[in-house]
Amino acid sequence: MEFFKITKRFKKDEDGAVTVDWVVLTAAIVGLGIAVVASVRTATSDLGNRISDAICSTEVDNDGGGTC
């Protein structure tokens, strides 16, 4: 009889289901974050290279004669 009580109590317990919901929600948020970073990475790298090229090609009148 004790076994049936334990089984019935186990079927009613929903703590594990809530944990699974949170794990799935967290995984979805992390996945979206990775997707955003992957889609933006190339554009930001290209923009950084263009800014670097523009700064290096700008001539400044100084006595140091620095280069990029």
N, C-alpha and C. Protein backbone atom coordinates (compact mmCIF):
# COMPACT_ATOMS: atom_id res chain seq x y z
N MET A 1 0.81 -1.21 0.00
CA MET A 1 0.00 0.00 0.00
C MET A 1 0.86 1.27 0.00
N GLU A 2 1.98 1.21 0.67
CA GLU A 2 2.87 2.38 0.73
C GLU A 2 3.37 2.74 -0.67
N PHE A 3 3.63 1.73 -1.48
CA PHE A 3 4.11 1.96 -2.83
C PHE A 3 3.10 2.77 -3.64
N PHE A 4 1.84 2.46 -3.51
CA PHE A 4 0.81 3.17 -4.26
C PHE A 4 0.67 4.62 -3.80
N LYS A 5 0.87 4.87 -2.52
CA LYS A 5 0.83 6.25 -2.01
C LYS A 5 1.98 7.06 -2.59
N ILE A 6 3.16 6.44 -2.62
CA ILE A 6 4.33 7.12 -3.17
C ILE A 6 4.12 7.40 -4.66
N THR A 7 3.60 6.43 -5.38
CA THR A 7 3.35 6.60 -6.81
C THR A 7 2.33 7.70 -7.06
N LYS A 8 1.27 7.73 -6.28
CA LYS A 8 0.23 8.75 -6.45
C LYS A 8 0.79 10.15 -6.14
N ARG A 9 1.62 10.25 -5.09
CA ARG A 9 2.22 11.53 -4.73
C ARG A 9 3.20 11.98 -5.83
N PHE A 10 3.94 11.04 -6.40
CA PHE A 10 4.88 11.35 -7.47
C PHE A 10 4.16 11.88 -8.71
N LYS A 11 3.02 11.31 -9.05
CA LYS A 11 2.25 11.76 -10.22
C LYS A 11 1.71 13.16 -10.03
N LYS A 12 1.41 13.55 -8.78
CA LYS A 12 0.86 14.88 -8.52
C LYS A 12 1.93 15.95 -8.44
N ASP A 13 3.17 15.55 -8.17
CA ASP A 13 4.27 16.51 -7.99
C ASP A 13 4.61 17.15 -9.34
N GLU A 14 4.62 18.48 -9.40
CA GLU A 14 4.89 19.19 -10.64
C GLU A 14 6.17 20.00 -10.59
N ASP A 15 6.98 19.86 -9.56
CA ASP A 15 8.21 20.62 -9.46
C ASP A 15 9.17 20.34 -10.61
N GLY A 16 9.29 19.10 -11.02
CA GLY A 16 10.17 18.75 -12.13
C GLY A 16 9.71 19.37 -13.43
N ALA A 17 8.41 19.45 -13.64
CA ALA A 17 7.89 20.04 -14.88
C ALA A 17 8.21 21.53 -14.94
N VAL A 18 8.14 22.19 -13.82
CA VAL A 18 8.47 23.62 -13.79
C VAL A 18 9.95 23.82 -14.09
N THR A 19 10.79 22.95 -13.55
CA THR A 19 12.22 23.03 -13.82
C THR A 19 12.50 22.83 -15.30
N VAL A 20 11.84 21.88 -15.91
CA VAL A 20 12.04 21.65 -17.34
C VAL A 20 11.59 22.87 -18.14
N ASP A 21 10.50 23.49 -17.75
CA ASP A 21 10.04 24.71 -18.43
C ASP A 21 11.11 25.80 -18.37
N TRP A 22 11.69 25.99 -17.21
CA TRP A 22 12.72 27.03 -17.06
C TRP A 22 13.97 26.70 -17.86
N VAL A 23 14.34 25.44 -17.91
CA VAL A 23 15.51 25.04 -18.69
C VAL A 23 15.26 25.29 -20.18
N VAL A 24 14.09 24.95 -20.66
CA VAL A 24 13.76 25.17 -22.07
C VAL A 24 13.72 26.66 -22.38
N LEU A 25 13.14 27.46 -21.51
CA LEU A 25 13.08 28.91 -21.71
C LEU A 25 14.48 29.52 -21.72
N THR A 26 15.33 29.09 -20.80
CA THR A 26 16.70 29.60 -20.76
C THR A 26 17.46 29.20 -22.01
N ALA A 27 17.29 27.97 -22.46
CA ALA A 27 17.97 27.52 -23.68
C ALA A 27 17.50 28.32 -24.89
N ALA A 28 16.23 28.66 -24.94
CA ALA A 28 15.72 29.47 -26.05
C ALA A 28 16.33 30.87 -26.04
N ILE A 29 16.45 31.46 -24.87
CA ILE A 29 17.03 32.80 -24.76
C ILE A 29 18.50 32.78 -25.16
N VAL A 30 19.23 31.77 -24.70
CA VAL A 30 20.65 31.64 -25.07
C VAL A 30 20.77 31.43 -26.58
N GLY A 31 19.92 30.61 -27.15
CA GLY A 31 19.95 30.37 -28.59
C GLY A 31 19.68 31.64 -29.39
N LEU A 32 18.73 32.44 -28.94
CA LEU A 32 18.46 33.71 -29.61
C LEU A 32 19.65 34.65 -29.50
N GLY A 33 20.28 34.67 -28.35
CA GLY A 33 21.46 35.52 -28.17
C GLY A 33 22.58 35.12 -29.11
N ILE A 34 22.81 33.83 -29.24
CA ILE A 34 23.85 33.34 -30.15
C ILE A 34 23.51 33.68 -31.60
N ALA A 35 22.25 33.56 -31.96
CA ALA A 35 21.82 33.89 -33.33
C ALA A 35 22.04 35.37 -33.63
N VAL A 36 21.74 36.23 -32.67
CA VAL A 36 21.93 37.67 -32.86
C VAL A 36 23.41 37.99 -33.02
N VAL A 37 24.24 37.41 -32.16
CA VAL A 37 25.68 37.67 -32.25
C VAL A 37 26.23 37.17 -33.58
N ALA A 38 25.79 36.02 -34.03
CA ALA A 38 26.27 35.47 -35.29
C ALA A 38 25.86 36.33 -36.48
N SER A 39 24.68 36.90 -36.43
CA SER A 39 24.22 37.71 -37.56
C SER A 39 24.82 39.11 -37.57
N VAL A 40 25.24 39.60 -36.42
CA VAL A 40 25.77 40.96 -36.33
C VAL A 40 27.30 40.98 -36.42
N ARG A 41 27.94 39.85 -36.14
CA ARG A 41 29.40 39.81 -36.05
C ARG A 41 30.08 40.28 -37.33
N THR A 42 29.64 39.80 -38.48
CA THR A 42 30.28 40.16 -39.75
C THR A 42 30.13 41.64 -40.04
N ALA A 43 28.96 42.17 -39.82
CA ALA A 43 28.72 43.59 -40.09
C ALA A 43 29.56 44.48 -39.19
N THR A 44 29.67 44.14 -37.93
CA THR A 44 30.47 44.98 -37.03
C THR A 44 31.95 44.87 -37.35
N SER A 45 32.41 43.70 -37.76
CA SER A 45 33.81 43.55 -38.15
C SER A 45 34.12 44.39 -39.38
N ASP A 46 33.24 44.35 -40.37
CA ASP A 46 33.42 45.17 -41.57
C ASP A 46 33.42 46.66 -41.23
N LEU A 47 32.52 47.07 -40.37
CA LEU A 47 32.45 48.48 -39.97
C LEU A 47 33.73 48.88 -39.25
N GLY A 48 34.24 48.05 -38.39
CA GLY A 48 35.49 48.34 -37.69
C GLY A 48 36.65 48.48 -38.66
N ASN A 49 36.70 47.62 -39.66
CA ASN A 49 37.77 47.71 -40.66
C ASN A 49 37.66 48.99 -41.47
N ARG A 50 36.45 49.39 -41.82
CA ARG A 50 36.27 50.64 -42.58
C ARG A 50 36.67 51.85 -41.74
N ILE A 51 36.34 51.84 -40.46
CA ILE A 51 36.72 52.94 -39.58
C ILE A 51 38.24 52.99 -39.45
N SER A 52 38.87 51.84 -39.29
CA SER A 52 40.33 51.78 -39.19
C SER A 52 40.99 52.30 -40.46
N ASP A 53 40.48 51.92 -41.61
CA ASP A 53 41.03 52.41 -42.88
C ASP A 53 40.87 53.92 -43.00
N ALA A 54 39.72 54.44 -42.59
CA ALA A 54 39.49 55.88 -42.67
C ALA A 54 40.43 56.63 -41.75
N ILE A 55 40.67 56.11 -40.57
CA ILE A 55 41.57 56.78 -39.63
C ILE A 55 43.00 56.73 -40.15
N CYS A 56 43.41 55.59 -40.68
CA CYS A 56 44.78 55.45 -41.18
C CYS A 56 45.03 56.31 -42.43
N SER A 57 44.01 56.54 -43.22
CA SER A 57 44.21 57.32 -44.44
C SER A 57 44.10 58.82 -44.20
N THR A 58 43.71 59.22 -43.01
CA THR A 58 43.61 60.64 -42.70
C THR A 58 44.99 61.19 -42.37
N GLU A 59 45.34 62.28 -43.04
CA GLU A 59 46.63 62.88 -42.79
C GLU A 59 46.49 63.98 -41.75
N VAL A 60 47.42 63.98 -40.83
CA VAL A 60 47.45 64.98 -39.78
C VAL A 60 48.79 65.68 -39.85
N ASP A 61 48.76 66.99 -39.72
CA ASP A 61 49.99 67.76 -39.78
C ASP A 61 50.66 67.71 -38.41
N ASN A 62 51.63 66.83 -38.29
CA ASN A 62 52.39 66.75 -37.05
C ASN A 62 53.85 66.48 -37.35
N ASP A 63 54.68 66.64 -36.37
CA ASP A 63 56.10 66.43 -36.57
C ASP A 63 56.52 64.99 -36.28
N GLY A 64 55.63 64.21 -35.68
CA GLY A 64 55.98 62.84 -35.30
C GLY A 64 56.09 61.91 -36.48
N GLY A 65 55.31 62.14 -37.49
CA GLY A 65 55.34 61.28 -38.68
C GLY A 65 54.87 59.87 -38.39
N GLY A 66 53.91 59.70 -37.51
CA GLY A 66 53.41 58.37 -37.15
C GLY A 66 52.71 57.69 -38.30
N THR A 67 52.65 56.36 -38.23
CA THR A 67 51.96 55.56 -39.24
C THR A 67 50.98 54.64 -38.56
N CYS A 68 50.07 54.04 -39.34
CA CYS A 68 49.11 53.07 -38.81
C CYS A 68 49.71 51.70 -38.75
